[in-house]
Amino acid sequence: MTHDVKEIFAGEAPPAPAALAAKVRTLAPSMTRSMQRVAEAVAGDPAGCAALTVTGLAELTGTSEATVVRTSRLLGYPGYRDLRLALAGLAAQQQSGRAPAVTADIAVDDPIADVVAKLAYDEQQTLADTAAGLDTVQLGAAVSALAAARRIDIYGVGASGLVAQDLAQKLLRIGLIAHPHSDPHLAVTNAVQLRAKDVAIAITHSGSTGDVIEPLRVAFDHGATTIAITGRPTGPVTQYADHILTTSTARESELRPAAMSSRTSQLLVVDCLFVGVAQRTYETAAPALSASYEALAHRHRRAPR
């Protein structure tokens, strides 16, 4: 199964105005340079661009009318007219007193209080962008697959590997059989054993991590339901994903690598999956959670003097 831009966004409702900036940040790396200029212009000055015709925006960005229309469609709008309406809505929201979308990068000589404030704002923005851009239909389908799974394998390396461990331990606590894999050899070895009633999840911000894509491909070929949690909805990993859950990230800088913000958004998606599965399997999940809590309770009690 392959996915192109049209397939990914076919049938989706246009994003709400508040989600436009998040959509631009997520999709910009996969755009051509001319499309990036259009996307950056509408995200940076929604009020100004909302007042422009398609010809005016093309002239402003040094592109063509066709590029403007293609960019509008890639961002999830049927045409430029729909994008202009969203821009007008976004401009109205910003004028009503919403916080700016971008903050300054962390500098080497920033006081620690400024570091805290900047990181907190970026984390909040990342979470808001991820929530705004998350496809709840895809999320619901992924939850259904996990709730009915015989076995769940989760692939991730580096920072994404930590997120894979987090999801696995959550699912284990509600009685599901879940295994995180950061070793690519073990991941492929286990993926070979998966079948139609199993689920495989790949977590990769770039969407192109070979050590994660390979086991997902093997699981896909063996009939397992496959899920990709990625910041690149057109990345190679989506070729082997039945369900795609897109994450957003803050801007990367020297003191804030992509792994930091991608982890934040991935953890939000993981928590959404877990809570959704716990809801679907509540009759068994609730007793399992209670049992695991009781089993560990003595470790948290104060030792007698």
Foldseek 3Di string as FASTA:
>chain_A
DADDLCRVQPPPAQFALVLLLLLLQLALVVDDPLLNLLSCVCNVQLPVVLPDDLCRSCVVSVHDSVSNQVSCVSNRHNGVPRVSVSSVVNVVVVVVPDDDLDDDDDDPPDDVVVVVVRVVVQLVSQQVNLVRPWDVVLLLVLLVLQLQAQAEEEEDEDLVLVLQVVLQVLCVLLPHHYYYDDDLVVLLVVLLPAAQRHEYEYEDAVLEPPSRQVSLQSNLVRNYAYEYEYSHCNHPSVRSHPGYTHGGFGDADPVRHRSNRSSSRSNVSSVSSSVSSCVVVVVRRVVSNVVVCVVCVVVPDDDDD
